[in-house]
């Protein structure tokens, strides 16, 4: 039984704003608004998931699916995701996959993974396994030019394998946690869009076949 004091405590804590994982296929896809992507509900490696692929030729950063009615400022976003190069993708495809947040008026922050880099034999590629960017003006290329290594890091990844992904955001700071670790593998202390709020989207990069399940958006009061 929930007492008034218990309810008050709950209201002061995190709450789940939106979650989809076990929902029926139509309901799952219906919670998303495609932006230059194709959406499909599928069974993938033992989990019911949303499959996302590009809808034709899409500019870098422009392929994502917006979560309906989600508004995010501070808090945490958790999801399981799996990204791999799509059939016929070019040699630079890495299975780019992640989450965009604080989306408004075509601008957003995003943190993503490059699964094909996680176990590469080239150490430089390994060092580019995670990435922070801000669309449209702060791409990976701009960040490497302005501040090499600051917005990327290594984490062990495999293409097409379910990966636990979590980001926490407070003000202009964000942290990426992968595989359920207690320590972040990427720290961003200067989010380029400032202390803002906006929507949340499931994001994929060029030449990617992406899968998402178990999304939870937890807003901090």
Protein backbone atom coordinates (compact mmCIF):
# COMPACT_ATOMS: atom_id res chain seq x y z
CA UNK A 1 0.00 0.00 0.00
CA UNK A 2 1.34 3.44 -0.91
CA UNK A 3 1.21 5.93 1.93
CA UNK A 4 1.37 9.73 1.32
CA UNK A 5 4.93 9.79 2.62
CA UNK A 6 5.91 6.98 0.27
CA UNK A 7 4.34 8.77 -2.69
CA UNK A 8 6.14 11.99 -1.78
CA UNK A 9 9.45 10.14 -1.69
CA UNK A 10 8.73 8.65 -5.08
CA UNK A 11 7.97 12.06 -6.53
CA UNK A 12 11.33 13.37 -5.35
CA UNK A 13 13.18 10.46 -6.95
CA UNK A 14 13.69 9.44 -10.55
CA UNK A 15 10.64 8.23 -12.42
CA UNK A 16 10.40 6.26 -15.62
CA UNK A 17 9.16 8.62 -18.29
CA UNK A 18 8.87 6.08 -21.07
CA UNK A 19 9.78 2.44 -21.52
CA UNK A 20 9.38 -0.04 -24.33
CA UNK A 21 10.71 -3.54 -24.52
CA UNK A 22 7.98 -6.06 -23.91
CA UNK A 23 5.27 -4.07 -25.68
CA UNK A 24 3.48 -5.55 -28.65
CA UNK A 25 5.18 -4.88 -31.95
CA UNK A 26 2.75 -2.26 -33.22
CA UNK A 27 2.77 -0.42 -29.91
CA UNK A 28 6.55 -0.39 -29.81
CA UNK A 29 7.01 1.14 -33.24
CA UNK A 30 4.07 3.49 -32.68
CA UNK A 31 6.01 5.14 -29.84
CA UNK A 32 8.56 6.43 -32.34
CA UNK A 33 8.56 9.12 -35.03
CA UNK A 34 10.97 8.20 -37.86
CA UNK A 35 13.31 10.85 -39.21
CA UNK A 36 14.92 9.56 -42.41
CA UNK A 37 14.86 5.99 -41.09
CA UNK A 38 12.84 2.82 -41.51
CA UNK A 39 11.41 1.17 -38.39
CA UNK A 40 10.53 -2.46 -37.85
CA UNK A 41 9.64 -4.54 -34.79
CA UNK A 42 11.70 -7.74 -34.82
CA UNK A 43 13.06 -10.55 -32.69
CA UNK A 44 16.82 -10.14 -32.48
CA UNK A 45 19.18 -12.36 -30.45
CA UNK A 46 16.44 -13.44 -28.09
CA UNK A 47 14.89 -10.01 -27.49
CA UNK A 48 11.95 -8.12 -28.96
CA UNK A 49 13.45 -4.98 -30.45
CA UNK A 50 13.06 -2.05 -32.79
CA UNK A 51 15.21 -2.36 -35.91
CA UNK A 52 16.32 0.94 -37.44
CA UNK A 53 17.94 1.45 -40.83
CA UNK A 54 18.47 4.49 -43.03
CA UNK A 55 15.70 5.45 -45.44
CA UNK A 56 17.77 6.07 -48.56
CA UNK A 57 20.83 8.30 -48.69
CA UNK A 58 20.96 10.20 -45.40
CA UNK A 59 23.38 12.91 -44.33
CA UNK A 60 25.60 12.11 -41.36
CA UNK A 61 23.74 12.70 -38.10
CA UNK A 62 20.28 12.87 -39.68
CA UNK A 63 19.08 9.27 -39.17
CA UNK A 64 17.09 8.81 -35.97
CA UNK A 65 13.71 7.94 -34.47
CA UNK A 66 12.19 10.38 -31.99
CA UNK A 67 10.52 9.02 -28.85
CA UNK A 68 7.01 10.46 -28.74
CA UNK A 69 6.18 12.83 -25.88
CA UNK A 70 9.63 12.50 -24.26
CA UNK A 71 11.11 15.73 -22.89
CA UNK A 72 14.50 15.41 -21.21
CA UNK A 73 16.56 17.87 -19.19
CA UNK A 74 18.45 16.16 -16.35
CA UNK A 75 18.53 12.47 -15.48
CA UNK A 76 19.49 9.18 -17.07
CA UNK A 77 18.73 7.25 -20.24
CA UNK A 78 19.18 3.47 -20.30
CA UNK A 79 18.84 1.13 -23.24
CA UNK A 80 20.19 -2.08 -24.72
CA UNK A 81 21.42 -1.63 -28.26
CA UNK A 82 23.24 -3.51 -30.99
CA UNK A 83 24.78 -1.92 -34.06
CA UNK A 84 26.52 -3.44 -37.02
CA UNK A 85 27.42 -2.37 -40.56
CA UNK A 86 24.46 -2.90 -42.85
CA UNK A 87 24.66 -5.16 -45.88
CA UNK A 88 26.38 -3.32 -48.69
CA UNK A 89 27.72 -0.56 -46.41
CA UNK A 90 31.03 1.06 -47.26
CA UNK A 91 34.36 0.21 -45.71
CA UNK A 92 34.09 3.12 -43.25
CA UNK A 93 30.89 1.78 -41.67
CA UNK A 94 31.35 0.96 -37.99
CA UNK A 95 27.80 0.14 -36.86
CA UNK A 96 27.40 3.63 -35.37
CA UNK A 97 24.62 3.60 -32.77
CA UNK A 98 23.55 5.63 -29.75
CA UNK A 99 21.13 8.10 -28.21
CA UNK A 100 20.35 11.70 -29.12
CA UNK A 101 18.99 13.94 -26.36
CA UNK A 102 17.77 17.49 -25.77
CA UNK A 103 16.53 17.52 -29.34
CA UNK A 104 14.81 20.73 -30.46
CA UNK A 105 14.59 22.65 -33.73
CA UNK A 106 16.90 20.21 -35.49
CA UNK A 107 19.65 20.51 -32.88
CA UNK A 108 20.65 17.83 -30.38
CA UNK A 109 23.45 16.35 -28.34
CA UNK A 110 24.34 12.71 -28.96
CA UNK A 111 26.66 10.04 -27.66
CA UNK A 112 27.25 6.97 -29.75
CA UNK A 113 29.31 3.82 -30.13
CA UNK A 114 31.39 2.47 -32.99
CA UNK A 115 31.05 -1.29 -32.33
CA UNK A 116 33.38 -2.32 -35.16
CA UNK A 117 36.23 -0.39 -33.51
CA UNK A 118 36.08 -2.08 -30.12
CA UNK A 119 38.31 -5.02 -31.00
CA UNK A 120 40.21 -3.65 -33.99
CA UNK A 121 43.92 -4.44 -34.28
CA UNK A 122 44.65 -0.74 -34.77
CA UNK A 123 44.94 1.04 -31.40
CA UNK A 124 43.87 4.38 -32.87
CA UNK A 125 40.62 2.82 -34.06
CA UNK A 126 40.06 1.33 -30.62
CA UNK A 127 40.47 4.77 -29.11
CA UNK A 128 37.54 5.88 -31.27
CA UNK A 129 35.04 3.36 -29.89
CA UNK A 130 32.83 6.02 -28.23
CA UNK A 131 31.99 9.52 -29.39
CA UNK A 132 30.22 12.67 -28.21
CA UNK A 133 28.91 15.10 -30.82
CA UNK A 134 26.36 17.91 -31.13
CA UNK A 135 24.28 18.32 -34.27
CA UNK A 136 24.67 20.12 -36.57
CA UNK A 137 27.81 22.13 -35.79
CA UNK A 138 30.00 19.86 -33.64
CA UNK A 139 30.59 16.66 -35.58
CA UNK A 140 33.28 14.08 -34.86
CA UNK A 141 35.47 15.73 -37.49
CA UNK A 142 35.16 19.13 -35.83
CA UNK A 143 35.87 17.69 -32.38
CA UNK A 144 39.00 15.92 -33.62
CA UNK A 145 40.24 19.14 -35.16
CA UNK A 146 39.49 21.35 -32.15
CA UNK A 147 40.23 18.97 -29.29
CA UNK A 148 41.77 15.63 -30.35
CA UNK A 149 40.89 12.72 -28.02
CA UNK A 150 38.75 14.85 -25.68
CA UNK A 151 35.36 13.62 -26.93
CA UNK A 152 36.22 9.98 -27.73
CA UNK A 153 37.40 6.96 -25.78
CA UNK A 154 37.91 3.22 -25.85
CA UNK A 155 35.49 0.59 -24.61
CA UNK A 156 35.27 -3.09 -25.49
CA UNK A 157 32.55 -3.60 -28.12
CA UNK A 158 31.47 -6.16 -30.69
CA UNK A 159 29.36 -5.48 -33.79
CA UNK A 160 25.80 -6.77 -33.64
CA UNK A 161 25.98 -7.81 -29.97
CA UNK A 162 23.54 -6.57 -27.32
CA UNK A 163 25.27 -3.88 -25.28
CA UNK A 164 24.03 -2.16 -22.15
CA UNK A 165 24.24 1.61 -22.63
CA UNK A 166 23.54 4.33 -20.09
CA UNK A 167 24.05 8.08 -20.12
CA UNK A 168 23.56 10.48 -17.25
CA UNK A 169 23.12 14.18 -17.83
CA UNK A 170 23.22 17.10 -15.41
CA UNK A 171 23.47 20.67 -16.64
CA UNK A 172 26.28 20.78 -19.18
CA UNK A 173 27.81 17.46 -18.10
CA UNK A 174 27.21 13.98 -19.46
CA UNK A 175 28.62 10.54 -18.66
CA UNK A 176 28.51 7.34 -20.73
CA UNK A 177 28.44 3.94 -19.01
CA UNK A 178 28.68 0.71 -21.02
CA UNK A 179 28.18 -2.93 -19.95
CA UNK A 180 26.72 -1.92 -16.56
CA UNK A 181 29.99 -0.60 -15.16
CA UNK A 182 30.05 1.77 -12.19
CA UNK A 183 32.61 4.06 -13.85
CA UNK A 184 32.01 6.03 -17.07
CA UNK A 185 34.03 5.28 -20.18
CA UNK A 186 33.42 8.78 -21.57
CA UNK A 187 33.05 12.07 -19.69
CA UNK A 188 31.81 15.27 -21.31
CA UNK A 189 31.97 18.40 -19.16
CA UNK A 190 30.93 20.98 -21.76
CA UNK A 191 27.84 19.95 -23.68
CA UNK A 192 27.80 22.25 -26.67
CA UNK A 193 24.10 23.15 -26.54
CA UNK A 194 24.36 24.26 -22.93
CA UNK A 195 21.96 23.51 -20.08
CA UNK A 196 18.93 22.88 -22.27
CA UNK A 197 16.05 20.45 -22.62
CA UNK A 198 14.35 18.69 -25.49
CA UNK A 199 13.41 15.38 -27.01
CA UNK A 200 15.09 11.97 -27.06
CA UNK A 201 15.81 9.86 -30.13
CA UNK A 202 17.29 6.50 -31.08
CA UNK A 203 20.19 7.39 -33.35
CA UNK A 204 22.17 5.52 -36.01
CA UNK A 205 25.03 6.61 -38.24
CA UNK A 206 25.77 5.97 -41.93
CA UNK A 207 25.59 2.39 -43.13
CA UNK A 208 24.22 1.02 -39.86
CA UNK A 209 21.72 -1.70 -39.01
CA UNK A 210 20.66 -0.87 -35.47
CA UNK A 211 18.58 -2.58 -32.80
CA UNK A 212 17.17 -1.09 -29.58
CA UNK A 213 15.25 -2.55 -26.65
CA UNK A 214 14.48 -1.79 -23.01
CA UNK A 215 14.58 2.00 -23.29
CA UNK A 216 14.05 3.89 -20.04
CA UNK A 217 14.19 7.67 -19.70
CA UNK A 218 14.49 8.74 -16.09
CA UNK A 219 14.08 12.43 -15.40
CA UNK A 220 15.50 14.00 -12.24
CA UNK A 221 13.27 16.32 -10.27
